[in-house]
Amino acid sequence: QVQLVESGGGLVQPGGSLRLSCVVSGRTDSTYAMGWFRQAPGKDREFVAFINWSGDMTFYGDSVKGRFFISRDDSGPTTYLQMNSLQPEDTAVYYCARTLSRVGVRKSVGEYDAWGQGTQVTVSS
């Protein structure tokens, strides 16, 4: 069984930055892609960012493009989401997720088979 644990959330002022981390553990090999999603109260879970299994392909949701950056350790189990120029509309619970797909970009919730418990990000002055 695989486990995902996010960390790094918190309260930040508009214009500030945060870096989220997601550690994958348990019975899994290293050839999986990772995604970040977020969910604000009363809204659907929204795709934020994707990184493929080798770390050389990334893709972002339109609302975060140019502000958020996803990366992963070359040989380790950690995936990161660097969030810059945060705005109140970025307030949400952020989830990391794993997909075993090795082809293309995965942006849909149903394409991921394992999820973390989420970490709250609040952007407010």
N, C-alpha and C. Protein backbone atom coordinates (compact mmCIF):
# COMPACT_ATOMS: atom_id res chain seq x y z
N GLN A 1 0.85 -1.18 0.00
CA GLN A 1 0.00 0.00 0.00
C GLN A 1 0.89 1.24 0.00
N VAL A 2 0.49 2.25 -0.75
CA VAL A 2 1.27 3.47 -0.87
C VAL A 2 0.63 4.57 -0.04
N GLN A 3 1.47 5.40 0.56
CA GLN A 3 1.00 6.55 1.34
C GLN A 3 1.62 7.83 0.81
N LEU A 4 0.83 8.89 0.81
CA LEU A 4 1.30 10.21 0.41
C LEU A 4 1.02 11.17 1.56
N VAL A 5 2.03 11.96 1.91
CA VAL A 5 1.88 12.91 3.01
C VAL A 5 2.37 14.27 2.55
N GLU A 6 1.46 15.25 2.59
CA GLU A 6 1.81 16.62 2.24
C GLU A 6 2.22 17.41 3.48
N SER A 7 3.01 18.43 3.26
CA SER A 7 3.37 19.36 4.31
C SER A 7 3.72 20.71 3.68
N GLY A 8 3.80 21.74 4.54
CA GLY A 8 4.23 23.04 4.06
C GLY A 8 3.15 24.07 3.92
N GLY A 9 1.91 23.70 4.15
CA GLY A 9 0.84 24.66 4.06
C GLY A 9 0.88 25.66 5.22
N GLY A 10 0.02 26.67 5.13
CA GLY A 10 -0.04 27.65 6.20
C GLY A 10 -0.72 28.92 5.74
N LEU A 11 -0.55 29.95 6.56
CA LEU A 11 -1.12 31.26 6.28
C LEU A 11 -0.03 32.17 5.70
N VAL A 12 -0.34 32.83 4.62
CA VAL A 12 0.63 33.71 3.96
C VAL A 12 -0.10 34.96 3.46
N GLN A 13 0.59 36.07 3.43
CA GLN A 13 0.00 37.30 2.93
C GLN A 13 -0.01 37.31 1.40
N PRO A 14 -0.93 38.06 0.81
CA PRO A 14 -0.93 38.19 -0.66
C PRO A 14 0.43 38.64 -1.18
N GLY A 15 0.87 38.00 -2.26
CA GLY A 15 2.18 38.27 -2.81
C GLY A 15 3.28 37.41 -2.26
N GLY A 16 2.98 36.66 -1.23
CA GLY A 16 3.98 35.81 -0.60
C GLY A 16 4.16 34.47 -1.30
N SER A 17 5.03 33.65 -0.72
CA SER A 17 5.37 32.35 -1.30
C SER A 17 5.27 31.25 -0.24
N LEU A 18 5.03 30.06 -0.71
CA LEU A 18 5.07 28.85 0.10
C LEU A 18 5.61 27.72 -0.76
N ARG A 19 6.23 26.73 -0.11
CA ARG A 19 6.62 25.53 -0.81
C ARG A 19 5.99 24.33 -0.13
N LEU A 20 5.20 23.59 -0.89
CA LEU A 20 4.59 22.37 -0.39
C LEU A 20 5.47 21.17 -0.75
N SER A 21 5.46 20.18 0.11
CA SER A 21 6.18 18.93 -0.13
C SER A 21 5.22 17.77 -0.04
N CYS A 22 5.52 16.74 -0.78
CA CYS A 22 4.72 15.50 -0.75
C CYS A 22 5.68 14.33 -0.77
N VAL A 23 5.61 13.51 0.25
CA VAL A 23 6.47 12.33 0.34
C VAL A 23 5.64 11.08 0.09
N VAL A 24 6.12 10.26 -0.83
CA VAL A 24 5.47 9.00 -1.16
C VAL A 24 6.22 7.87 -0.48
N SER A 25 5.51 6.99 0.19
CA SER A 25 6.14 5.85 0.85
C SER A 25 5.26 4.62 0.65
N GLY A 26 5.83 3.47 1.01
CA GLY A 26 5.08 2.23 0.89
C GLY A 26 5.50 1.43 -0.33
N ARG A 27 4.63 0.53 -0.73
CA ARG A 27 4.96 -0.41 -1.81
C ARG A 27 4.71 0.24 -3.16
N THR A 28 5.76 0.83 -3.70
CA THR A 28 5.67 1.46 -5.01
C THR A 28 7.04 1.49 -5.64
N ASP A 29 7.07 1.44 -6.96
CA ASP A 29 8.34 1.67 -7.62
C ASP A 29 8.48 3.15 -7.89
N SER A 30 9.51 3.56 -8.61
CA SER A 30 9.76 4.98 -8.81
C SER A 30 9.18 5.52 -10.11
N THR A 31 8.57 4.67 -10.92
CA THR A 31 8.09 5.12 -12.22
C THR A 31 6.64 5.56 -12.16
N TYR A 32 6.39 6.59 -11.40
CA TYR A 32 5.04 7.16 -11.32
C TYR A 32 5.12 8.65 -11.54
N ALA A 33 4.07 9.20 -12.07
CA ALA A 33 3.94 10.64 -12.23
C ALA A 33 3.17 11.21 -11.05
N MET A 34 3.32 12.50 -10.84
CA MET A 34 2.68 13.13 -9.69
C MET A 34 1.90 14.37 -10.11
N GLY A 35 0.87 14.63 -9.37
CA GLY A 35 0.09 15.82 -9.61
C GLY A 35 -0.25 16.54 -8.32
N TRP A 36 -0.52 17.81 -8.46
CA TRP A 36 -1.06 18.61 -7.35
C TRP A 36 -2.44 19.12 -7.76
N PHE A 37 -3.36 19.05 -6.83
CA PHE A 37 -4.71 19.56 -7.02
C PHE A 37 -5.03 20.45 -5.83
N ARG A 38 -6.10 21.20 -5.95
CA ARG A 38 -6.57 22.00 -4.83
C ARG A 38 -8.09 22.05 -4.83
N GLN A 39 -8.62 22.28 -3.64
CA GLN A 39 -10.08 22.34 -3.51
C GLN A 39 -10.44 23.43 -2.51
N ALA A 40 -11.16 24.42 -2.99
CA ALA A 40 -11.67 25.49 -2.15
C ALA A 40 -13.07 25.11 -1.67
N PRO A 41 -13.52 25.69 -0.56
CA PRO A 41 -14.85 25.36 -0.04
C PRO A 41 -15.94 25.59 -1.09
N GLY A 42 -16.77 24.58 -1.28
CA GLY A 42 -17.88 24.69 -2.19
C GLY A 42 -17.53 24.53 -3.66
N LYS A 43 -16.27 24.23 -3.94
CA LYS A 43 -15.84 24.09 -5.33
C LYS A 43 -15.32 22.68 -5.60
N ASP A 44 -15.26 22.33 -6.88
CA ASP A 44 -14.69 21.05 -7.27
C ASP A 44 -13.18 21.06 -7.09
N ARG A 45 -12.63 19.85 -7.01
CA ARG A 45 -11.17 19.73 -6.94
C ARG A 45 -10.58 20.14 -8.28
N GLU A 46 -9.58 21.02 -8.23
CA GLU A 46 -9.03 21.65 -9.43
C GLU A 46 -7.61 21.20 -9.68
N PHE A 47 -7.28 20.88 -10.92
CA PHE A 47 -5.92 20.53 -11.29
C PHE A 47 -5.00 21.74 -11.16
N VAL A 48 -3.83 21.53 -10.58
CA VAL A 48 -2.86 22.60 -10.40
C VAL A 48 -1.59 22.35 -11.23
N ALA A 49 -0.99 21.18 -11.06
CA ALA A 49 0.29 20.93 -11.73
C ALA A 49 0.54 19.44 -11.86
N PHE A 50 1.37 19.09 -12.86
CA PHE A 50 1.72 17.70 -13.15
C PHE A 50 3.21 17.62 -13.45
N ILE A 51 3.82 16.52 -13.03
CA ILE A 51 5.20 16.23 -13.40
C ILE A 51 5.29 14.75 -13.74
N ASN A 52 5.98 14.44 -14.82
CA ASN A 52 6.02 13.04 -15.24
C ASN A 52 7.02 12.24 -14.39
N TRP A 53 7.11 10.94 -14.67
CA TRP A 53 7.88 10.06 -13.80
C TRP A 53 9.37 10.38 -13.84
N SER A 54 9.86 10.90 -14.97
CA SER A 54 11.29 11.20 -15.08
C SER A 54 11.61 12.63 -14.70
N GLY A 55 10.60 13.44 -14.46
CA GLY A 55 10.83 14.81 -14.02
C GLY A 55 11.16 15.79 -15.12
N ASP A 56 11.08 15.37 -16.38
CA ASP A 56 11.47 16.27 -17.46
C ASP A 56 10.28 16.85 -18.22
N MET A 57 9.09 16.60 -17.73
CA MET A 57 7.91 17.20 -18.34
C MET A 57 6.97 17.69 -17.23
N THR A 58 6.57 18.94 -17.34
CA THR A 58 5.64 19.53 -16.39
C THR A 58 4.49 20.19 -17.14
N PHE A 59 3.39 20.37 -16.43
CA PHE A 59 2.22 21.01 -17.03
C PHE A 59 1.45 21.68 -15.91
N TYR A 60 0.84 22.84 -16.20
CA TYR A 60 0.18 23.63 -15.16
C TYR A 60 -1.22 24.04 -15.56
N GLY A 61 -2.06 24.21 -14.54
CA GLY A 61 -3.36 24.78 -14.77
C GLY A 61 -3.22 26.25 -15.14
N ASP A 62 -4.18 26.76 -15.89
CA ASP A 62 -4.10 28.14 -16.38
C ASP A 62 -4.01 29.15 -15.25
N SER A 63 -4.69 28.87 -14.14
CA SER A 63 -4.76 29.85 -13.06
C SER A 63 -3.45 29.99 -12.29
N VAL A 64 -2.53 29.05 -12.45
CA VAL A 64 -1.27 29.11 -11.69
C VAL A 64 -0.05 29.21 -12.58
N LYS A 65 -0.25 29.14 -13.88
CA LYS A 65 0.87 29.15 -14.82
C LYS A 65 1.74 30.40 -14.63
N GLY A 66 3.04 30.20 -14.53
CA GLY A 66 3.97 31.30 -14.34
C GLY A 66 4.19 31.69 -12.89
N ARG A 67 3.37 31.15 -11.98
CA ARG A 67 3.51 31.47 -10.55
C ARG A 67 3.89 30.24 -9.73
N PHE A 68 3.40 29.09 -10.12
CA PHE A 68 3.66 27.84 -9.40
C PHE A 68 4.62 26.98 -10.21
N PHE A 69 5.44 26.21 -9.49
CA PHE A 69 6.42 25.36 -10.16
C PHE A 69 6.50 24.02 -9.43
N ILE A 70 6.36 22.95 -10.18
CA ILE A 70 6.41 21.61 -9.63
C ILE A 70 7.77 21.00 -9.93
N SER A 71 8.29 20.23 -8.98
CA SER A 71 9.56 19.54 -9.17
C SER A 71 9.56 18.28 -8.32
N ARG A 72 10.57 17.43 -8.55
CA ARG A 72 10.67 16.21 -7.76
C ARG A 72 12.14 15.86 -7.61
N ASP A 73 12.44 15.17 -6.52
CA ASP A 73 13.79 14.70 -6.29
C ASP A 73 14.17 13.71 -7.39
N ASP A 74 15.42 13.75 -7.81
CA ASP A 74 15.87 12.86 -8.88
C ASP A 74 15.72 11.40 -8.49
N SER A 75 16.07 11.07 -7.29
CA SER A 75 16.05 9.66 -6.89
C SER A 75 15.29 9.45 -5.60
N GLY A 76 14.61 10.48 -5.15
CA GLY A 76 13.91 10.35 -3.89
C GLY A 76 12.41 10.37 -4.05
N PRO A 77 11.69 10.26 -2.95
CA PRO A 77 10.25 10.10 -3.00
C PRO A 77 9.47 11.41 -2.86
N THR A 78 10.15 12.55 -2.96
CA THR A 78 9.51 13.82 -2.64
C THR A 78 9.21 14.63 -3.89
N THR A 79 8.02 15.17 -3.92
CA THR A 79 7.59 16.10 -4.96
C THR A 79 7.27 17.43 -4.30
N TYR A 80 7.61 18.52 -4.98
CA TYR A 80 7.43 19.84 -4.42
C TYR A 80 6.50 20.68 -5.29
N LEU A 81 5.87 21.66 -4.63
CA LEU A 81 5.12 22.67 -5.35
C LEU A 81 5.54 24.03 -4.79
N GLN A 82 6.32 24.76 -5.57
CA GLN A 82 6.71 26.11 -5.18
C GLN A 82 5.64 27.07 -5.66
N MET A 83 5.08 27.82 -4.71
CA MET A 83 3.97 28.72 -5.02
C MET A 83 4.41 30.15 -4.76
N ASN A 84 4.44 30.97 -5.80
CA ASN A 84 4.86 32.36 -5.69
C ASN A 84 3.70 33.28 -6.04
N SER A 85 3.84 34.54 -5.64
CA SER A 85 2.83 35.56 -5.93
C SER A 85 1.43 35.07 -5.57
N LEU A 86 1.31 34.53 -4.38
CA LEU A 86 0.05 33.96 -3.94
C LEU A 86 -1.02 35.04 -3.78
N GLN A 87 -2.23 34.67 -4.12
CA GLN A 87 -3.37 35.57 -4.06
C GLN A 87 -4.48 34.93 -3.24
N PRO A 88 -5.42 35.71 -2.73
CA PRO A 88 -6.51 35.13 -1.93
C PRO A 88 -7.26 34.01 -2.65
N GLU A 89 -7.35 34.09 -3.95
CA GLU A 89 -8.06 33.04 -4.70
C GLU A 89 -7.29 31.73 -4.75
N ASP A 90 -6.06 31.72 -4.29
CA ASP A 90 -5.29 30.48 -4.18
C ASP A 90 -5.59 29.73 -2.89
N THR A 91 -6.39 30.33 -2.02
CA THR A 91 -6.75 29.69 -0.77
C THR A 91 -7.53 28.40 -1.03
N ALA A 92 -7.04 27.30 -0.48
CA ALA A 92 -7.66 25.99 -0.72
C ALA A 92 -6.91 24.95 0.09
N VAL A 93 -7.46 23.75 0.12
CA VAL A 93 -6.72 22.59 0.58
C VAL A 93 -5.99 22.02 -0.64
N TYR A 94 -4.70 21.81 -0.49
CA TYR A 94 -3.87 21.31 -1.59
C TYR A 94 -3.56 19.84 -1.37
N TYR A 95 -3.75 19.05 -2.43
CA TYR A 95 -3.54 17.61 -2.37
C TYR A 95 -2.49 17.20 -3.40
N CYS A 96 -1.61 16.28 -3.01
CA CYS A 96 -0.76 15.64 -3.99
C CYS A 96 -1.38 14.28 -4.32
N ALA A 97 -1.05 13.79 -5.50
CA ALA A 97 -1.64 12.54 -5.95
C ALA A 97 -0.67 11.84 -6.89
N ARG A 98 -0.80 10.52 -6.96
CA ARG A 98 0.07 9.70 -7.79
C ARG A 98 -0.72 9.06 -8.91
N THR A 99 -0.10 9.01 -10.08
CA THR A 99 -0.65 8.24 -11.19
C THR A 99 0.44 7.33 -11.75
N LEU A 100 0.05 6.11 -12.11
CA LEU A 100 1.02 5.16 -12.64
C LEU A 100 1.18 5.32 -14.16
N SER A 101 0.46 6.24 -14.75
CA SER A 101 0.58 6.46 -16.18
C SER A 101 1.96 7.01 -16.52
N ARG A 102 2.55 6.49 -17.59
CA ARG A 102 3.88 6.96 -18.01
C ARG A 102 3.81 7.68 -19.34
N VAL A 103 2.60 7.97 -19.81
CA VAL A 103 2.45 8.62 -21.12
C VAL A 103 1.55 9.84 -20.97
N GLY A 104 2.01 10.98 -21.47
CA GLY A 104 1.18 12.15 -21.53
C GLY A 104 0.97 12.83 -20.19
N VAL A 105 0.10 13.84 -20.21
CA VAL A 105 -0.22 14.64 -19.03
C VAL A 105 -1.54 14.14 -18.44
N ARG A 106 -1.60 14.07 -17.15
CA ARG A 106 -2.81 13.61 -16.46
C ARG A 106 -3.36 14.77 -15.64
N LYS A 107 -4.57 15.24 -15.99
CA LYS A 107 -5.15 16.41 -15.35
C LYS A 107 -6.47 16.13 -14.64
N SER A 108 -6.95 14.92 -14.76
CA SER A 108 -8.25 14.60 -14.18
C SER A 108 -8.10 13.84 -12.87
N VAL A 109 -8.99 14.12 -11.93
CA VAL A 109 -8.95 13.47 -10.62
C VAL A 109 -8.98 11.95 -10.77
N GLY A 110 -9.80 11.45 -11.68
CA GLY A 110 -9.98 10.01 -11.83
C GLY A 110 -8.78 9.27 -12.38
N GLU A 111 -7.78 10.01 -12.86
CA GLU A 111 -6.59 9.38 -13.43
C GLU A 111 -5.53 9.11 -12.37
N TYR A 112 -5.80 9.45 -11.13
CA TYR A 112 -4.85 9.27 -10.03
C TYR A 112 -5.37 8.20 -9.08
N ASP A 113 -4.47 7.36 -8.60
CA ASP A 113 -4.92 6.22 -7.79
C ASP A 113 -4.57 6.34 -6.32
N ALA A 114 -3.80 7.32 -5.95
CA ALA A 114 -3.45 7.49 -4.53
C ALA A 114 -3.36 8.98 -4.22
N TRP A 115 -3.85 9.36 -3.05
CA TRP A 115 -3.94 10.76 -2.67
C TRP A 115 -3.42 10.98 -1.26
N GLY A 116 -2.90 12.17 -1.03
CA GLY A 116 -2.55 12.58 0.31
C GLY A 116 -3.78 13.11 1.04
N GLN A 117 -3.57 13.48 2.30
CA GLN A 117 -4.68 13.92 3.14
C GLN A 117 -4.97 15.40 2.95
N GLY A 118 -4.07 16.12 2.29
CA GLY A 118 -4.28 17.54 2.03
C GLY A 118 -3.60 18.43 3.05
N THR A 119 -3.23 19.62 2.59
CA THR A 119 -2.65 20.62 3.47
C THR A 119 -3.29 21.97 3.14
N GLN A 120 -3.68 22.70 4.17
CA GLN A 120 -4.41 23.95 3.98
C GLN A 120 -3.45 25.08 3.64
N VAL A 121 -3.80 25.84 2.61
CA VAL A 121 -3.10 27.06 2.25
C VAL A 121 -4.10 28.20 2.31
N THR A 122 -3.79 29.20 3.13
CA THR A 122 -4.66 30.35 3.28
C THR A 122 -3.88 31.61 2.93
N VAL A 123 -4.39 32.38 1.99
CA VAL A 123 -3.75 33.62 1.57
C VAL A 123 -4.64 34.77 2.01
N SER A 124 -4.15 35.53 2.96
CA SER A 124 -4.96 36.60 3.53
C SER A 124 -4.08 37.62 4.21
N SER A 125 -4.53 38.87 4.17
CA SER A 125 -3.80 39.92 4.88
C SER A 125 -4.36 40.11 6.28
